[in-house]
Amino acid sequence: MIPTKAVLATLSVSLALIAFLPAGAQPKQGMSKTVFENDKVLVMDSVVKPGETLPSADRGGMIYYYISGGKIERTFADGTKETVTRKTGQAMVNTEKRPYAVENTGTTTAHVIGIRLK
């Protein structure tokens, strides 16, 4: 899957903004990795500790299963922020169409499996 220009532009802006933060203020990066992929499905495993972030990405249409939930702040390219709380064992389809960055603003580590049908 090739990223779209909009996704690449959003990622570039997000990384540029992070680069201008003072060294001590830069958020730590959470862990997100592909654990399986073929021509029909993509499976991601993401772990975000309190205070950690994941860069902006298109997460629309992903099916999520929260191994451990938490309080997550989503930041969109226009600067709009939205806080969501996810529960351990919760499963959902993400209907948000805009790319967004993620920050764990809670006190527990969020661990989620994401599935995207191709």
Protein backbone atom coordinates (compact mmCIF):
# COMPACT_ATOMS: atom_id res chain seq x y z
CA MET A 1 0.00 0.00 0.00
CA ILE A 2 1.52 3.35 -1.05
CA PRO A 3 0.86 6.34 1.26
CA THR A 4 -1.16 9.16 -0.27
CA LYS A 5 0.23 12.68 -0.66
CA ALA A 6 -2.09 13.92 2.10
CA VAL A 7 -0.80 11.29 4.55
CA LEU A 8 2.82 12.08 3.68
CA ALA A 9 2.19 15.82 4.02
CA THR A 10 0.52 15.36 7.42
CA LEU A 11 3.37 13.17 8.61
CA SER A 12 5.94 15.74 7.43
CA VAL A 13 4.17 18.56 9.27
CA SER A 14 3.89 16.47 12.45
CA LEU A 15 7.57 15.55 12.37
CA ALA A 16 8.57 19.16 11.67
CA LEU A 17 6.55 20.38 14.67
CA ILE A 18 8.13 17.76 16.93
CA ALA A 19 11.62 18.77 15.73
CA PHE A 20 11.09 22.35 16.96
CA LEU A 21 10.28 21.29 20.53
CA PRO A 22 13.06 21.70 23.10
CA ALA A 23 15.01 18.46 23.57
CA GLY A 24 13.52 17.79 27.02
CA ALA A 25 9.97 18.44 25.78
CA GLN A 26 9.98 16.00 22.86
CA PRO A 27 7.43 13.24 23.42
CA LYS A 28 8.63 9.66 23.44
CA GLN A 29 7.60 7.51 20.53
CA GLY A 30 5.26 4.58 21.21
CA MET A 31 5.78 1.22 19.50
CA SER A 32 3.73 0.21 16.48
CA LYS A 33 4.74 -2.66 14.23
CA THR A 34 3.29 -4.79 11.48
CA VAL A 35 2.91 -8.35 12.75
CA PHE A 36 1.25 -9.78 9.63
CA GLU A 37 0.52 -8.60 6.11
CA ASN A 38 -0.55 -10.14 2.85
CA ASP A 39 -2.57 -8.98 -0.16
CA LYS A 40 -5.85 -9.11 1.82
CA VAL A 41 -5.09 -7.97 5.38
CA LEU A 42 -2.70 -5.90 7.52
CA VAL A 43 -2.34 -6.57 11.26
CA MET A 44 -0.63 -3.99 13.50
CA ASP A 45 0.41 -4.30 17.15
CA SER A 46 0.71 -0.95 18.98
CA VAL A 47 1.84 -0.25 22.54
CA VAL A 48 1.74 3.34 23.81
CA LYS A 49 2.85 4.07 27.38
CA PRO A 50 1.62 7.15 29.26
CA GLY A 51 3.12 10.26 27.63
CA GLU A 52 4.14 8.44 24.45
CA THR A 53 2.89 9.28 20.97
CA LEU A 54 2.35 7.73 17.56
CA PRO A 55 2.71 9.89 14.41
CA SER A 56 -0.20 11.03 12.31
CA ALA A 57 -1.59 8.31 10.07
CA ASP A 58 -4.78 7.30 8.29
CA ARG A 59 -6.50 4.97 10.75
CA GLY A 60 -9.95 5.06 9.14
CA GLY A 61 -11.57 1.68 8.60
CA MET A 62 -9.22 -0.09 11.01
CA ILE A 63 -10.74 -2.74 13.24
CA TYR A 64 -9.29 -2.39 16.75
CA TYR A 65 -9.14 -4.78 19.70
CA TYR A 66 -7.84 -3.22 22.93
CA ILE A 67 -5.75 -5.69 24.91
CA SER A 68 -5.41 -2.91 27.48
CA GLY A 69 -7.32 0.33 27.20
CA GLY A 70 -6.57 3.87 28.24
CA LYS A 71 -7.14 7.57 27.69
CA ILE A 72 -5.99 8.66 24.22
CA GLU A 73 -5.76 12.15 22.75
CA ARG A 74 -6.10 12.33 18.97
CA THR A 75 -4.61 15.40 17.21
CA PHE A 76 -5.70 16.20 13.67
CA ALA A 77 -3.71 18.13 11.04
CA ASP A 78 -5.74 21.30 11.68
CA GLY A 79 -4.77 21.24 15.37
CA THR A 80 -8.15 19.95 16.58
CA LYS A 81 -7.81 17.59 19.54
CA GLU A 82 -10.20 14.93 20.77
CA THR A 83 -9.86 12.72 23.84
CA VAL A 84 -11.27 9.19 23.78
CA THR A 85 -11.27 6.51 26.46
CA ARG A 86 -10.97 2.89 25.40
CA LYS A 87 -11.71 -0.07 27.67
CA THR A 88 -9.74 -3.28 27.98
CA GLY A 89 -11.41 -5.92 25.81
CA GLN A 90 -13.21 -3.33 23.65
CA ALA A 91 -13.47 -4.01 19.92
CA MET A 92 -14.47 -1.33 17.42
CA VAL A 93 -14.27 -0.12 13.85
CA ASN A 94 -12.62 3.30 13.55
CA THR A 95 -14.90 5.46 11.39
CA GLU A 96 -12.71 8.61 11.56
CA LYS A 97 -11.74 9.52 8.01
CA ARG A 98 -9.08 12.16 8.84
CA PRO A 99 -5.49 11.15 9.69
CA TYR A 100 -4.49 11.90 13.28
CA ALA A 101 -1.60 11.55 15.72
CA VAL A 102 -2.09 9.71 19.02
CA GLU A 103 -0.86 10.54 22.53
CA ASN A 104 -1.52 8.43 25.60
CA THR A 105 -2.67 11.01 28.15
CA GLY A 106 -3.79 8.42 30.67
CA THR A 107 -1.96 6.61 33.46
CA THR A 108 -1.93 3.10 31.96
CA THR A 109 -0.21 1.58 28.93
CA ALA A 110 -2.56 1.22 25.95
CA HIS A 111 -2.06 -1.96 23.89
CA VAL A 112 -4.15 -2.42 20.75
CA ILE A 113 -4.26 -4.78 17.78
CA GLY A 114 -5.36 -3.08 14.57
CA ILE A 115 -6.64 -4.92 11.50
CA ARG A 116 -7.13 -3.37 8.07
CA LEU A 117 -8.83 -5.32 5.30
CA LYS A 118 -7.37 -4.44 1.90
